[in-house]
Amino acid sequence: MLQVPRNPARRFGAAFFLPALLLSACAMGGDPQTDANTEIDPMQQRFIVRYAPGTAPERDPGLVADRIAQTARAAGLVDAKGVPARVTWLRRLAVGADVVSVDPELDAAQAQRLLQALEAEPDVEYAEPDGRMTIGPGPVMPTKRPGSD
């Protein structure tokens, strides 16, 4: 009796499919979902600020922390002991914006006040909280039921 050999491509395909399936399941785990409507975390410490081209802080990153500290003091941001927030320049991003850290951490109202004060400055193009960016589910779309028109 003649025996037909099994297809080796089928055997290798099955051998690679299962590990690929398991790895893709692991990759889809990620971080827990966060509420997309919350712009500012309850305790915010890092901010991204982009100064307009040609301004002094845009040309010299060493001036950024001092400018933001002045804005924080002008906005009345002090801790429980009345000490003004300390601002530390962390790095310049590829888009030209600067990441700064504020110590002590600001609550949501203080962070909002700082962002509004920064955006009111003529030299600032934009200011936003620095948060973790993740891929998450899109908005929930309402579905129509047949015959519910």
C-alpha atoms as a PDB file:
ATOM      1  CA  MET A   1       0.000   0.000   0.000  1.00  0.00           C
ATOM      2  CA  LEU A   2       1.272   3.426  -0.993  1.00  0.00           C
ATOM      3  CA  GLN A   3       1.365   6.019   1.770  1.00  0.00           C
ATOM      4  CA  VAL A   4       1.053   9.724   0.845  1.00  0.00           C
ATOM      5  CA  PRO A   5       3.599  11.883   2.694  1.00  0.00           C
ATOM      6  CA  ARG A   6       2.150  14.689   4.816  1.00  0.00           C
ATOM      7  CA  ASN A   7       2.593  18.221   3.596  1.00  0.00           C
ATOM      8  CA  PRO A   8       5.601  19.739   5.473  1.00  0.00           C
ATOM      9  CA  ALA A   9       4.332  23.283   4.866  1.00  0.00           C
ATOM     10  CA  ARG A  10       1.168  22.483   6.770  1.00  0.00           C
ATOM     11  CA  ARG A  11       3.169  21.064   9.668  1.00  0.00           C
ATOM     12  CA  PHE A  12       5.434  24.165   9.870  1.00  0.00           C
ATOM     13  CA  GLY A  13       2.466  26.505   9.485  1.00  0.00           C
ATOM     14  CA  ALA A  14       0.761  24.987  12.505  1.00  0.00           C
ATOM     15  CA  ALA A  15       4.018  25.101  14.470  1.00  0.00           C
ATOM     16  CA  PHE A  16       4.360  28.860  13.886  1.00  0.00           C
ATOM     17  CA  PHE A  17       0.688  29.795  14.110  1.00  0.00           C
ATOM     18  CA  LEU A  18       0.167  28.830  17.750  1.00  0.00           C
ATOM     19  CA  PRO A  19       3.150  30.819  19.159  1.00  0.00           C
ATOM     20  CA  ALA A  20       2.183  33.825  17.016  1.00  0.00           C
ATOM     21  CA  LEU A  21      -1.345  33.642  18.363  1.00  0.00           C
ATOM     22  CA  LEU A  22      -0.116  33.482  21.957  1.00  0.00           C
ATOM     23  CA  LEU A  23       2.307  36.376  21.483  1.00  0.00           C
ATOM     24  CA  SER A  24      -0.364  38.568  19.929  1.00  0.00           C
ATOM     25  CA  ALA A  25      -2.646  37.869  22.886  1.00  0.00           C
ATOM     26  CA  CYS A  26       0.126  38.976  25.253  1.00  0.00           C
ATOM     27  CA  ALA A  27       0.749  42.138  23.250  1.00  0.00           C
ATOM     28  CA  MET A  28      -2.907  43.114  23.449  1.00  0.00           C
ATOM     29  CA  GLY A  29      -2.901  43.088  27.269  1.00  0.00           C
ATOM     30  CA  GLY A  30      -1.406  46.542  27.917  1.00  0.00           C
ATOM     31  CA  ASP A  31      -2.296  48.990  30.645  1.00  0.00           C
ATOM     32  CA  PRO A  32      -5.695  49.263  32.253  1.00  0.00           C
ATOM     33  CA  GLN A  33      -8.107  51.514  30.440  1.00  0.00           C
ATOM     34  CA  THR A  34      -8.259  55.098  31.664  1.00  0.00           C
ATOM     35  CA  ASP A  35     -11.108  57.535  31.371  1.00  0.00           C
ATOM     36  CA  ALA A  36     -10.566  59.516  28.166  1.00  0.00           C
ATOM     37  CA  ASN A  37     -12.592  62.449  29.532  1.00  0.00           C
ATOM     38  CA  THR A  38     -10.063  63.166  32.285  1.00  0.00           C
ATOM     39  CA  GLU A  39      -7.459  65.565  30.935  1.00  0.00           C
ATOM     40  CA  ILE A  40      -5.586  66.188  34.174  1.00  0.00           C
ATOM     41  CA  ASP A  41      -4.642  63.469  36.641  1.00  0.00           C
ATOM     42  CA  PRO A  42      -5.573  64.055  40.287  1.00  0.00           C
ATOM     43  CA  MET A  43      -1.908  64.665  41.103  1.00  0.00           C
ATOM     44  CA  GLN A  44       0.084  66.098  38.216  1.00  0.00           C
ATOM     45  CA  GLN A  45       3.826  66.565  38.249  1.00  0.00           C
ATOM     46  CA  ARG A  46       5.012  66.789  34.616  1.00  0.00           C
ATOM     47  CA  PHE A  47       3.987  69.228  31.898  1.00  0.00           C
ATOM     48  CA  ILE A  48       4.839  69.834  28.242  1.00  0.00           C
ATOM     49  CA  VAL A  49       5.268  73.469  27.205  1.00  0.00           C
ATOM     50  CA  ARG A  50       6.025  74.708  23.683  1.00  0.00           C
ATOM     51  CA  TYR A  51       7.382  78.233  23.359  1.00  0.00           C
ATOM     52  CA  ALA A  52       6.950  80.172  20.119  1.00  0.00           C
ATOM     53  CA  PRO A  53       9.881  80.146  17.670  1.00  0.00           C
ATOM     54  CA  GLY A  54      12.337  82.965  18.237  1.00  0.00           C
ATOM     55  CA  THR A  55      11.475  83.527  21.905  1.00  0.00           C
ATOM     56  CA  ALA A  56      14.217  83.379  24.528  1.00  0.00           C
ATOM     57  CA  PRO A  57      13.028  80.106  26.179  1.00  0.00           C
ATOM     58  CA  GLU A  58      12.715  78.481  22.747  1.00  0.00           C
ATOM     59  CA  ARG A  59      16.309  79.401  21.907  1.00  0.00           C
ATOM     60  CA  ASP A  60      17.747  78.521  25.343  1.00  0.00           C
ATOM     61  CA  PRO A  61      16.230  75.547  27.235  1.00  0.00           C
ATOM     62  CA  GLY A  62      18.017  76.756  30.382  1.00  0.00           C
ATOM     63  CA  LEU A  63      15.487  79.591  30.655  1.00  0.00           C
ATOM     64  CA  VAL A  64      12.396  77.348  30.510  1.00  0.00           C
ATOM     65  CA  ALA A  65      12.297  76.255  34.169  1.00  0.00           C
ATOM     66  CA  ASP A  66      12.709  79.826  35.440  1.00  0.00           C
ATOM     67  CA  ARG A  67       9.952  81.131  33.153  1.00  0.00           C
ATOM     68  CA  ILE A  68       7.523  78.409  34.230  1.00  0.00           C
ATOM     69  CA  ALA A  69       8.434  78.942  37.910  1.00  0.00           C
ATOM     70  CA  GLN A  70       7.661  82.678  37.495  1.00  0.00           C
ATOM     71  CA  THR A  71       4.314  81.793  35.931  1.00  0.00           C
ATOM     72  CA  ALA A  72       3.551  79.333  38.754  1.00  0.00           C
ATOM     73  CA  ARG A  73       4.335  81.979  41.394  1.00  0.00           C
ATOM     74  CA  ALA A  74       2.215  84.565  39.548  1.00  0.00           C
ATOM     75  CA  ALA A  75      -0.655  82.033  39.460  1.00  0.00           C
ATOM     76  CA  GLY A  76      -0.368  81.646  43.255  1.00  0.00           C
ATOM     77  CA  LEU A  77       0.768  78.020  43.228  1.00  0.00           C
ATOM     78  CA  VAL A  78       2.285  77.291  46.626  1.00  0.00           C
ATOM     79  CA  ASP A  79       2.300  74.178  48.795  1.00  0.00           C
ATOM     80  CA  ALA A  80       0.670  73.820  52.221  1.00  0.00           C
ATOM     81  CA  LYS A  81       3.633  75.576  53.858  1.00  0.00           C
ATOM     82  CA  GLY A  82       3.433  78.541  51.471  1.00  0.00           C
ATOM     83  CA  VAL A  83       6.544  77.487  49.541  1.00  0.00           C
ATOM     84  CA  PRO A  84       6.313  78.083  45.776  1.00  0.00           C
ATOM     85  CA  ALA A  85       6.502  75.101  43.452  1.00  0.00           C
ATOM     86  CA  ARG A  86       9.975  74.135  42.241  1.00  0.00           C
ATOM     87  CA  VAL A  87      10.192  73.610  38.475  1.00  0.00           C
ATOM     88  CA  THR A  88      12.862  71.362  36.920  1.00  0.00           C
ATOM     89  CA  TRP A  89      13.571  71.219  33.182  1.00  0.00           C
ATOM     90  CA  LEU A  90      13.784  67.560  32.090  1.00  0.00           C
ATOM     91  CA  ARG A  91      14.319  67.527  28.315  1.00  0.00           C
ATOM     92  CA  ARG A  92      13.439  69.053  24.972  1.00  0.00           C
ATOM     93  CA  LEU A  93      11.272  66.926  22.699  1.00  0.00           C
ATOM     94  CA  ALA A  94      11.864  66.493  18.963  1.00  0.00           C
ATOM     95  CA  VAL A  95       8.916  68.818  18.247  1.00  0.00           C
ATOM     96  CA  GLY A  96      10.645  71.628  20.164  1.00  0.00           C
ATOM     97  CA  ALA A  97       8.467  71.457  23.274  1.00  0.00           C
ATOM     98  CA  ASP A  98       9.993  71.140  26.732  1.00  0.00           C
ATOM     99  CA  VAL A  99       9.104  68.654  29.463  1.00  0.00           C
ATOM    100  CA  VAL A 100       9.243  70.057  32.978  1.00  0.00           C
ATOM    101  CA  SER A 101       8.597  68.601  36.403  1.00  0.00           C
ATOM    102  CA  VAL A 102       6.855  70.512  39.203  1.00  0.00           C
ATOM    103  CA  ASP A 103       7.585  69.629  42.817  1.00  0.00           C
ATOM    104  CA  PRO A 104       5.493  69.170  44.899  1.00  0.00           C
ATOM    105  CA  GLU A 105       2.853  67.561  42.704  1.00  0.00           C
ATOM    106  CA  LEU A 106      -0.126  69.752  41.884  1.00  0.00           C
ATOM    107  CA  ASP A 107      -3.714  68.717  42.395  1.00  0.00           C
ATOM    108  CA  ALA A 108      -6.123  68.951  39.451  1.00  0.00           C
ATOM    109  CA  ALA A 109      -7.235  72.511  40.241  1.00  0.00           C
ATOM    110  CA  GLN A 110      -3.656  73.760  40.638  1.00  0.00           C
ATOM    111  CA  ALA A 111      -2.554  72.019  37.439  1.00  0.00           C
ATOM    112  CA  GLN A 112      -5.452  73.592  35.541  1.00  0.00           C
ATOM    113  CA  ARG A 113      -4.554  77.006  36.960  1.00  0.00           C
ATOM    114  CA  LEU A 114      -0.915  76.586  35.885  1.00  0.00           C
ATOM    115  CA  LEU A 115      -1.917  75.487  32.376  1.00  0.00           C
ATOM    116  CA  GLN A 116      -4.278  78.455  32.006  1.00  0.00           C
ATOM    117  CA  ALA A 117      -1.579  80.851  33.198  1.00  0.00           C
ATOM    118  CA  LEU A 118       0.941  79.367  30.758  1.00  0.00           C
ATOM    119  CA  GLU A 119      -1.470  79.510  27.829  1.00  0.00           C
ATOM    120  CA  ALA A 120      -2.208  83.171  28.639  1.00  0.00           C
ATOM    121  CA  GLU A 121       1.454  84.062  28.061  1.00  0.00           C
ATOM    122  CA  PRO A 122       2.145  85.425  24.571  1.00  0.00           C
ATOM    123  CA  ASP A 123       5.374  83.380  24.215  1.00  0.00           C
ATOM    124  CA  VAL A 124       3.640  80.023  24.822  1.00  0.00           C
ATOM    125  CA  GLU A 125       2.198  78.154  21.835  1.00  0.00           C
ATOM    126  CA  TYR A 126       0.680  75.416  23.988  1.00  0.00           C
ATOM    127  CA  ALA A 127       0.919  73.794  27.414  1.00  0.00           C
ATOM    128  CA  GLU A 128      -0.470  70.414  28.410  1.00  0.00           C
ATOM    129  CA  PRO A 129      -0.075  67.773  31.103  1.00  0.00           C
ATOM    130  CA  ASP A 130       2.453  65.070  30.287  1.00  0.00           C
ATOM    131  CA  GLY A 131       0.674  61.760  30.550  1.00  0.00           C
ATOM    132  CA  ARG A 132       1.034  58.212  29.342  1.00  0.00           C
ATOM    133  CA  MET A 133      -0.324  57.758  25.852  1.00  0.00           C
ATOM    134  CA  THR A 134      -1.843  54.386  25.074  1.00  0.00           C
ATOM    135  CA  ILE A 135      -3.874  52.807  22.358  1.00  0.00           C
ATOM    136  CA  GLY A 136      -7.335  52.184  23.641  1.00  0.00           C
ATOM    137  CA  PRO A 137     -10.784  51.493  22.387  1.00  0.00           C
ATOM    138  CA  GLY A 138     -12.428  54.179  20.317  1.00  0.00           C
ATOM    139  CA  PRO A 139     -15.609  55.984  21.252  1.00  0.00           C
ATOM    140  CA  VAL A 140     -18.714  53.906  21.772  1.00  0.00           C
ATOM    141  CA  MET A 141     -20.955  54.358  18.757  1.00  0.00           C
ATOM    142  CA  PRO A 142     -24.706  54.020  19.213  1.00  0.00           C
ATOM    143  CA  THR A 143     -26.200  51.214  17.205  1.00  0.00           C
ATOM    144  CA  LYS A 144     -29.528  51.338  15.409  1.00  0.00           C
ATOM    145  CA  ARG A 145     -31.867  48.456  15.849  1.00  0.00           C
ATOM    146  CA  PRO A 146     -33.715  47.312  12.775  1.00  0.00           C
ATOM    147  CA  GLY A 147     -37.186  48.787  12.717  1.00  0.00           C
ATOM    148  CA  SER A 148     -36.496  51.374  15.465  1.00  0.00           C
ATOM    149  CA  ASP A 149     -36.553  54.334  13.044  1.00  0.00           C
END
